[in-house]
Protein backbone atom coordinates (compact mmCIF):
# COMPACT_ATOMS: atom_id res chain seq x y z
CA UNK A 1 91.08 97.71 113.89
CA UNK A 2 89.65 101.58 113.26
CA UNK A 3 90.71 103.48 110.77
CA UNK A 4 94.66 105.10 110.08
CA UNK A 5 95.36 108.88 110.94
CA UNK A 6 97.74 109.11 108.38
CA UNK A 7 100.44 111.47 108.74
CA UNK A 8 103.46 112.81 106.46
CA UNK A 9 106.31 115.53 106.81
CA UNK A 10 105.81 119.17 106.51
CA UNK A 11 109.87 118.58 104.34
CA UNK A 12 107.80 116.60 101.44
CA UNK A 13 107.07 117.82 98.70
CA UNK A 14 104.99 116.33 96.05
CA UNK A 15 102.11 113.68 97.34
CA UNK A 16 103.64 111.19 95.00
CA UNK A 17 106.79 111.20 96.81
CA UNK A 18 106.40 110.72 101.15
CA UNK A 19 106.44 108.56 103.46
CA UNK A 20 103.85 108.32 105.89
CA UNK A 21 102.82 106.66 109.43
CA UNK A 22 100.38 106.17 111.68
CA UNK A 23 99.77 105.18 115.21
CA UNK A 24 97.27 102.23 115.33
CA UNK A 25 94.95 101.20 117.85
CA UNK A 26 97.20 98.63 119.70
CA UNK A 27 100.26 101.07 119.67
CA UNK A 28 102.38 99.55 117.26
CA UNK A 29 103.27 102.07 114.04
CA UNK A 30 102.48 101.66 110.76
CA UNK A 31 104.77 103.13 107.98
CA UNK A 32 104.04 103.27 104.72
CA UNK A 33 104.87 104.98 101.20
CA UNK A 34 103.00 107.17 99.07
CA UNK A 35 103.61 105.42 95.72
CA UNK A 36 103.31 101.57 97.09
CA UNK A 37 99.68 102.47 100.22
CA UNK A 38 99.16 98.36 99.99
CA UNK A 39 102.55 97.90 101.59
CA UNK A 40 102.62 98.45 105.65
CA UNK A 41 105.55 98.60 107.85
CA UNK A 42 104.43 97.68 111.24
CA UNK A 43 107.09 98.56 114.36
CA UNK A 44 106.98 100.03 117.88
CA UNK A 45 107.29 102.98 119.70
CA UNK A 46 110.14 102.67 120.78
CA UNK A 47 112.23 100.80 117.62
CA UNK A 48 110.59 104.01 115.68
CA UNK A 49 113.02 106.72 118.49
CA UNK A 50 115.52 104.75 118.05
CA UNK A 51 115.79 105.64 114.51
CA UNK A 52 114.38 108.88 114.65
CA UNK A 53 117.31 109.83 117.17
CA UNK A 54 119.74 108.66 114.18
CA UNK A 55 118.45 110.47 112.10
CA UNK A 56 119.04 113.52 114.21
CA UNK A 57 122.15 112.33 115.03
CA UNK A 58 122.78 111.81 110.98
CA UNK A 59 123.57 108.38 111.20
CA UNK A 60 121.80 107.72 107.79
CA UNK A 61 122.64 111.43 105.99
CA UNK A 62 124.68 108.81 103.56
CA UNK A 63 121.31 107.59 102.45
CA UNK A 64 120.00 110.22 101.48
CA UNK A 65 123.31 111.81 99.84
CA UNK A 66 123.67 108.80 97.76
CA UNK A 67 120.07 109.49 96.64
CA UNK A 68 121.37 112.85 95.34
CA UNK A 69 118.42 115.34 97.75
CA UNK A 70 119.66 117.81 99.72
CA UNK A 71 119.58 116.45 103.28
């Protein structure tokens, strides 16, 4: 597997408080947190798309509100 090109959201503040995402050569999507870079979650583009659509629709806002962040 070639090196992954990790991206983070422009909404991420500190470098130590981010979620990174990358596309792998096999077509899968990799997700990691900056404070646990050795833990990588693998998903598919279809599942990521469904999640992003849910985020855009506000389905997960209550998680951010519980953490005391401005969503």
